[in-house]
PDB file of N, CA and C in Angstrom:
ATOM      1  N   MET A   1      12.480   2.519 -12.231  1.00  0.00           N
ATOM      2  CA  MET A   1      11.481   1.989 -11.434  1.00  0.00           C
ATOM      3  C   MET A   1      12.039   1.546 -10.134  1.00  0.00           C
ATOM      4  N   THR A   2      11.086   1.710  -9.222  1.00  0.00           N
ATOM      5  CA  THR A   2      11.462   1.357  -7.827  1.00  0.00           C
ATOM      6  C   THR A   2      10.293   0.510  -7.450  1.00  0.00           C
ATOM      7  N   THR A   3      10.672  -0.501  -6.599  1.00  0.00           N
ATOM      8  CA  THR A   3       9.598  -1.432  -5.933  1.00  0.00           C
ATOM      9  C   THR A   3       9.772  -1.422  -4.364  1.00  0.00           C
ATOM     10  N   THR A   4       8.769  -1.212  -3.676  1.00  0.00           N
ATOM     11  CA  THR A   4       8.764  -1.214  -2.275  1.00  0.00           C
ATOM     12  C   THR A   4       7.749  -2.006  -1.604  1.00  0.00           C
ATOM     13  N   THR A   5       8.042  -2.640  -0.493  1.00  0.00           N
ATOM     14  CA  THR A   5       7.220  -3.646   0.119  1.00  0.00           C
ATOM     15  C   THR A   5       6.820  -3.074   1.481  1.00  0.00           C
ATOM     16  N   TYR A   6       5.628  -3.329   1.857  1.00  0.00           N
ATOM     17  CA  TYR A   6       5.149  -2.931   3.155  1.00  0.00           C
ATOM     18  C   TYR A   6       4.258  -4.179   3.713  1.00  0.00           C
ATOM     19  N   THR A   7       4.177  -4.192   4.961  1.00  0.00           N
ATOM     20  CA  THR A   7       3.519  -5.206   5.689  1.00  0.00           C
ATOM     21  C   THR A   7       2.229  -4.574   6.246  1.00  0.00           C
ATOM     22  N   VAL A   8       0.989  -4.934   5.791  1.00  0.00           N
ATOM     23  CA  VAL A   8      -0.380  -4.229   6.279  1.00  0.00           C
ATOM     24  C   VAL A   8      -1.082  -5.092   7.193  1.00  0.00           C
ATOM     25  N   THR A   9      -1.516  -4.814   8.349  1.00  0.00           N
ATOM     26  CA  THR A   9      -2.108  -5.469   9.274  1.00  0.00           C
ATOM     27  C   THR A   9      -3.706  -5.037   9.527  1.00  0.00           C
ATOM     28  N   GLY A  10      -4.483  -5.944   9.350  1.00  0.00           N
ATOM     29  CA  GLY A  10      -5.880  -5.878   9.726  1.00  0.00           C
ATOM     30  C   GLY A  10      -6.711  -6.120   8.627  1.00  0.00           C
ATOM     31  N   MET A  11      -6.006  -6.470   7.382  1.00  0.00           N
ATOM     32  CA  MET A  11      -6.697  -6.745   6.123  1.00  0.00           C
ATOM     33  C   MET A  11      -7.309  -8.050   6.132  1.00  0.00           C
ATOM     34  N   THR A  12      -8.382  -8.433   5.980  1.00  0.00           N
ATOM     35  CA  THR A  12      -9.168  -9.752   5.787  1.00  0.00           C
ATOM     36  C   THR A  12      -9.800 -10.083   4.671  1.00  0.00           C
ATOM     37  N   CYS A  13     -10.122  -9.208   3.542  1.00  0.00           N
ATOM     38  CA  CYS A  13     -10.623  -9.693   2.229  1.00  0.00           C
ATOM     39  C   CYS A  13     -10.387  -8.868   1.221  1.00  0.00           C
ATOM     40  N   GLY A  14     -11.095  -9.095   0.129  1.00  0.00           N
ATOM     41  CA  GLY A  14     -10.844  -8.410  -1.124  1.00  0.00           C
ATOM     42  C   GLY A  14     -11.409  -6.725  -0.945  1.00  0.00           C
ATOM     43  N   HIS A  15     -12.424  -6.577  -0.255  1.00  0.00           N
ATOM     44  CA  HIS A  15     -12.894  -5.095   0.082  1.00  0.00           C
ATOM     45  C   HIS A  15     -11.708  -4.481   0.833  1.00  0.00           C
ATOM     46  N   CYS A  16     -11.067  -5.196   1.679  1.00  0.00           N
ATOM     47  CA  CYS A  16      -9.784  -4.416   2.374  1.00  0.00           C
ATOM     48  C   CYS A  16      -8.887  -4.110   1.218  1.00  0.00           C
ATOM     49  N   GLU A  17      -8.568  -5.041   0.506  1.00  0.00           N
ATOM     50  CA  GLU A  17      -7.545  -5.007  -0.554  1.00  0.00           C
ATOM     51  C   GLU A  17      -7.907  -3.568  -1.372  1.00  0.00           C
ATOM     52  N   GLY A  18      -9.181  -3.593  -1.772  1.00  0.00           N
ATOM     53  CA  GLY A  18      -9.568  -2.626  -2.513  1.00  0.00           C
ATOM     54  C   GLY A  18      -9.268  -1.186  -2.001  1.00  0.00           C
ATOM     55  N   SER A  19      -9.727  -1.100  -0.670  1.00  0.00           N
ATOM     56  CA  SER A  19      -9.531   0.051   0.216  1.00  0.00           C
ATOM     57  C   SER A  19      -8.145   0.593   0.093  1.00  0.00           C
ATOM     58  N   VAL A  20      -7.166  -0.308   0.268  1.00  0.00           N
ATOM     59  CA  VAL A  20      -5.724   0.026   0.426  1.00  0.00           C
ATOM     60  C   VAL A  20      -5.266   0.668  -1.037  1.00  0.00           C
ATOM     61  N   ARG A  21      -5.922  -0.307  -2.100  1.00  0.00           N
ATOM     62  CA  ARG A  21      -5.416  -0.125  -3.422  1.00  0.00           C
ATOM     63  C   ARG A  21      -5.842   1.433  -3.789  1.00  0.00           C
ATOM     64  N   SER A  22      -6.981   1.813  -3.344  1.00  0.00           N
ATOM     65  CA  SER A  22      -7.531   3.092  -3.662  1.00  0.00           C
ATOM     66  C   SER A  22      -7.001   4.239  -3.215  1.00  0.00           C
ATOM     67  N   GLU A  23      -6.563   3.959  -1.896  1.00  0.00           N
ATOM     68  CA  GLU A  23      -5.914   5.276  -1.163  1.00  0.00           C
ATOM     69  C   GLU A  23      -4.421   5.342  -1.857  1.00  0.00           C
ATOM     70  N   VAL A  24      -3.708   4.186  -1.758  1.00  0.00           N
ATOM     71  CA  VAL A  24      -2.424   4.338  -2.408  1.00  0.00           C
ATOM     72  C   VAL A  24      -2.113   4.692  -3.829  1.00  0.00           C
ATOM     73  N   SER A  25      -3.074   4.224  -4.666  1.00  0.00           N
ATOM     74  CA  SER A  25      -3.169   4.725  -6.048  1.00  0.00           C
ATOM     75  C   SER A  25      -3.214   6.334  -6.246  1.00  0.00           C
ATOM     76  N   LYS A  26      -3.695   7.058  -5.166  1.00  0.00           N
ATOM     77  CA  LYS A  26      -3.654   8.447  -5.213  1.00  0.00           C
ATOM     78  C   LYS A  26      -2.403   9.205  -5.091  1.00  0.00           C
ATOM     79  N   LEU A  27      -1.477   8.450  -4.606  1.00  0.00           N
ATOM     80  CA  LEU A  27      -0.087   8.892  -4.348  1.00  0.00           C
ATOM     81  C   LEU A  27       0.672   9.470  -5.736  1.00  0.00           C
ATOM     82  N   PRO A  28       1.140  10.396  -5.852  1.00  0.00           N
ATOM     83  CA  PRO A  28       1.991  10.589  -7.117  1.00  0.00           C
ATOM     84  C   PRO A  28       3.060   9.872  -7.414  1.00  0.00           C
ATOM     85  N   GLY A  29       3.348   9.408  -8.820  1.00  0.00           N
ATOM     86  CA  GLY A  29       4.256   8.514  -9.110  1.00  0.00           C
ATOM     87  C   GLY A  29       4.073   6.925  -9.058  1.00  0.00           C
ATOM     88  N   VAL A  30       2.853   6.551  -8.394  1.00  0.00           N
ATOM     89  CA  VAL A  30       2.467   5.181  -8.327  1.00  0.00           C
ATOM     90  C   VAL A  30       2.282   4.589  -9.605  1.00  0.00           C
ATOM     91  N   SER A  31       2.966   3.505  -9.888  1.00  0.00           N
ATOM     92  CA  SER A  31       2.642   2.970 -11.340  1.00  0.00           C
ATOM     93  C   SER A  31       1.922   1.619 -11.328  1.00  0.00           C
ATOM     94  N   ALA A  32       2.135   0.910 -10.193  1.00  0.00           N
ATOM     95  CA  ALA A  32       1.449  -0.473  -9.977  1.00  0.00           C
ATOM     96  C   ALA A  32       1.106  -0.732  -8.620  1.00  0.00           C
ATOM     97  N   ILE A  33       0.360  -1.595  -8.246  1.00  0.00           N
ATOM     98  CA  ILE A  33      -0.087  -1.809  -6.808  1.00  0.00           C
ATOM     99  C   ILE A  33      -0.364  -3.464  -6.764  1.00  0.00           C
ATOM    100  N   ASP A  34       0.256  -4.090  -5.848  1.00  0.00           N
ATOM    101  CA  ASP A  34      -0.095  -5.387  -5.549  1.00  0.00           C
ATOM    102  C   ASP A  34      -0.376  -5.570  -4.024  1.00  0.00           C
ATOM    103  N   VAL A  35      -1.601  -5.915  -3.742  1.00  0.00           N
ATOM    104  CA  VAL A  35      -2.034  -5.976  -2.252  1.00  0.00           C
ATOM    105  C   VAL A  35      -2.695  -7.225  -1.900  1.00  0.00           C
ATOM    106  N   SER A  36      -2.359  -7.901  -0.776  1.00  0.00           N
ATOM    107  CA  SER A  36      -2.827  -9.171  -0.712  1.00  0.00           C
ATOM    108  C   SER A  36      -3.154  -9.263   0.628  1.00  0.00           C
ATOM    109  N   ALA A  37      -4.420  -9.542   1.085  1.00  0.00           N
ATOM    110  CA  ALA A  37      -4.913  -9.861   2.665  1.00  0.00           C
ATOM    111  C   ALA A  37      -4.436 -10.956   3.112  1.00  0.00           C
ATOM    112  N   ALA A  38      -4.156 -12.155   2.149  1.00  0.00           N
ATOM    113  CA  ALA A  38      -3.840 -13.233   2.739  1.00  0.00           C
ATOM    114  C   ALA A  38      -2.336 -13.256   3.334  1.00  0.00           C
ATOM    115  N   SER A  39      -1.578 -12.520   2.514  1.00  0.00           N
ATOM    116  CA  SER A  39      -0.236 -12.320   3.077  1.00  0.00           C
ATOM    117  C   SER A  39       0.196 -11.086   3.715  1.00  0.00           C
ATOM    118  N   GLY A  40      -0.753 -10.210   3.682  1.00  0.00           N
ATOM    119  CA  GLY A  40      -0.532  -9.003   4.516  1.00  0.00           C
ATOM    120  C   GLY A  40       0.568  -8.141   3.884  1.00  0.00           C
ATOM    121  N   ARG A  41       0.663  -8.366   2.424  1.00  0.00           N
ATOM    122  CA  ARG A  41       1.604  -7.622   1.856  1.00  0.00           C
ATOM    123  C   ARG A  41       1.165  -6.530   0.757  1.00  0.00           C
ATOM    124  N   LEU A  42       1.941  -5.484   0.702  1.00  0.00           N
ATOM    125  CA  LEU A  42       1.566  -4.319  -0.243  1.00  0.00           C
ATOM    126  C   LEU A  42       2.770  -4.009  -0.685  1.00  0.00           C
ATOM    127  N   VAL A  43       2.851  -4.177  -2.297  1.00  0.00           N
ATOM    128  CA  VAL A  43       4.114  -3.978  -3.018  1.00  0.00           C
ATOM    129  C   VAL A  43       3.614  -3.082  -4.099  1.00  0.00           C
ATOM    130  N   ILE A  44       4.425  -1.681  -3.937  1.00  0.00           N
ATOM    131  CA  ILE A  44       4.270  -0.647  -4.866  1.00  0.00           C
ATOM    132  C   ILE A  44       5.501  -0.365  -5.654  1.00  0.00           C
ATOM    133  N   ALA A  45       4.974  -0.386  -6.888  1.00  0.00           N
ATOM    134  CA  ALA A  45       5.950   0.157  -8.034  1.00  0.00           C
ATOM    135  C   ALA A  45       5.838   1.526  -8.492  1.00  0.00           C
ATOM    136  N   SER A  46       6.784   2.223  -8.323  1.00  0.00           N
ATOM    137  CA  SER A  46       6.782   3.660  -8.735  1.00  0.00           C
ATOM    138  C   SER A  46       7.915   4.363  -9.480  1.00  0.00           C
ATOM    139  N   GLU A  47       7.588   5.323  -9.863  1.00  0.00           N
ATOM    140  CA  GLU A  47       8.581   5.815 -10.932  1.00  0.00           C
ATOM    141  C   GLU A  47       9.784   6.231 -10.244  1.00  0.00           C
ATOM    142  N   SER A  48       9.740   6.825  -9.007  1.00  0.00           N
ATOM    143  CA  SER A  48      10.804   7.349  -8.155  1.00  0.00           C
ATOM    144  C   SER A  48      10.619   6.575  -6.755  1.00  0.00           C
ATOM    145  N   PRO A  49      11.498   6.703  -5.809  1.00  0.00           N
ATOM    146  CA  PRO A  49      11.184   6.343  -4.491  1.00  0.00           C
ATOM    147  C   PRO A  49      10.009   7.108  -3.764  1.00  0.00           C
ATOM    148  N   LEU A  50       9.164   6.458  -2.979  1.00  0.00           N
ATOM    149  CA  LEU A  50       7.920   7.323  -2.477  1.00  0.00           C
ATOM    150  C   LEU A  50       8.487   7.500  -1.177  1.00  0.00           C
ATOM    151  N   ASP A  51       7.703   8.544  -0.513  1.00  0.00           N
ATOM    152  CA  ASP A  51       7.799   8.887   0.995  1.00  0.00           C
ATOM    153  C   ASP A  51       7.049   7.878   1.762  1.00  0.00           C
ATOM    154  N   ASP A  52       7.767   7.172   2.519  1.00  0.00           N
ATOM    155  CA  ASP A  52       7.314   6.248   3.407  1.00  0.00           C
ATOM    156  C   ASP A  52       6.068   6.940   4.274  1.00  0.00           C
ATOM    157  N   ALA A  53       6.229   8.071   4.867  1.00  0.00           N
ATOM    158  CA  ALA A  53       5.061   8.709   5.520  1.00  0.00           C
ATOM    159  C   ALA A  53       3.925   8.769   4.750  1.00  0.00           C
ATOM    160  N   ALA A  54       4.108   9.244   3.521  1.00  0.00           N
ATOM    161  CA  ALA A  54       2.947   9.475   2.679  1.00  0.00           C
ATOM    162  C   ALA A  54       2.187   8.041   2.413  1.00  0.00           C
ATOM    163  N   VAL A  55       3.015   6.842   2.257  1.00  0.00           N
ATOM    164  CA  VAL A  55       2.357   5.608   2.172  1.00  0.00           C
ATOM    165  C   VAL A  55       1.669   5.180   3.292  1.00  0.00           C
ATOM    166  N   LEU A  56       2.387   5.426   4.411  1.00  0.00           N
ATOM    167  CA  LEU A  56       1.739   4.685   5.846  1.00  0.00           C
ATOM    168  C   LEU A  56       0.474   5.723   6.084  1.00  0.00           C
ATOM    169  N   ALA A  57       0.622   7.060   5.590  1.00  0.00           N
ATOM    170  CA  ALA A  57      -0.646   7.791   5.650  1.00  0.00           C
ATOM    171  C   ALA A  57      -1.894   7.429   4.803  1.00  0.00           C
ATOM    172  N   ALA A  58      -1.388   7.118   3.625  1.00  0.00           N
ATOM    173  CA  ALA A  58      -2.703   6.443   2.847  1.00  0.00           C
ATOM    174  C   ALA A  58      -3.111   5.117   3.171  1.00  0.00           C
ATOM    175  N   VAL A  59      -2.321   4.071   3.644  1.00  0.00           N
ATOM    176  CA  VAL A  59      -2.962   3.030   4.296  1.00  0.00           C
ATOM    177  C   VAL A  59      -3.587   3.212   5.430  1.00  0.00           C
ATOM    178  N   ASP A  60      -3.176   4.115   6.460  1.00  0.00           N
ATOM    179  CA  ASP A  60      -4.006   4.732   7.601  1.00  0.00           C
ATOM    180  C   ASP A  60      -5.379   5.298   7.340  1.00  0.00           C
ATOM    181  N   GLU A  61      -5.378   6.003   5.955  1.00  0.00           N
ATOM    182  CA  GLU A  61      -6.822   6.431   5.611  1.00  0.00           C
ATOM    183  C   GLU A  61      -7.529   5.476   5.213  1.00  0.00           C
ATOM    184  N   ALA A  62      -7.009   4.376   4.622  1.00  0.00           N
ATOM    185  CA  ALA A  62      -7.769   3.031   4.347  1.00  0.00           C
ATOM    186  C   ALA A  62      -8.331   2.376   5.571  1.00  0.00           C
ATOM    187  N   GLY A  63      -7.765   2.638   6.513  1.00  0.00           N
ATOM    188  CA  GLY A  63      -8.191   1.994   7.945  1.00  0.00           C
ATOM    189  C   GLY A  63      -7.491   0.918   8.453  1.00  0.00           C
ATOM    190  N   TYR A  64      -6.214   0.844   8.128  1.00  0.00           N
ATOM    191  CA  TYR A  64      -5.275  -0.260   8.464  1.00  0.00           C
ATOM    192  C   TYR A  64      -3.851   0.433   8.813  1.00  0.00           C
ATOM    193  N   SER A  65      -3.088  -0.705   9.503  1.00  0.00           N
ATOM    194  CA  SER A  65      -1.746  -0.065   9.693  1.00  0.00           C
ATOM    195  C   SER A  65      -0.811  -0.894   8.795  1.00  0.00           C
ATOM    196  N   ALA A  66       0.481  -0.068   8.532  1.00  0.00           N
ATOM    197  CA  ALA A  66       1.407  -0.587   7.724  1.00  0.00           C
ATOM    198  C   ALA A  66       2.793  -0.191   8.198  1.00  0.00           C
ATOM    199  N   ALA A  67       3.816  -1.003   7.858  1.00  0.00           N
ATOM    200  CA  ALA A  67       5.274  -0.888   8.143  1.00  0.00           C
ATOM    201  C   ALA A  67       6.004  -1.287   6.956  1.00  0.00           C
ATOM    202  N   ARG A  68       7.055  -0.683   6.596  1.00  0.00           N
ATOM    203  CA  ARG A  68       7.985  -0.988   5.574  1.00  0.00           C
ATOM    204  C   ARG A  68       8.772  -2.472   5.785  1.00  0.00           C
ATOM    205  N   ALA A  69       8.530  -3.433   4.970  1.00  0.00           N
ATOM    206  CA  ALA A  69       8.971  -4.697   5.220  1.00  0.00           C
ATOM    207  C   ALA A  69      10.518  -4.735   4.952  1.00  0.00           C
TER     208      ALA A  69
END
């Protein structure tokens, strides 16, 4: 199990969190997602390391910007 943390900018509410969660959950191998608009953090648990570019693209698809923390 691998855990990776990202900083997400632009989230302000629960709907924002849900949008990010929805897009990131589509990535293969993701087993758990914790996303918080208050802290601007996205923590992903996965079976194996995820491709950072794929995670950043998923967050971008949700309408936000991210960087690996």
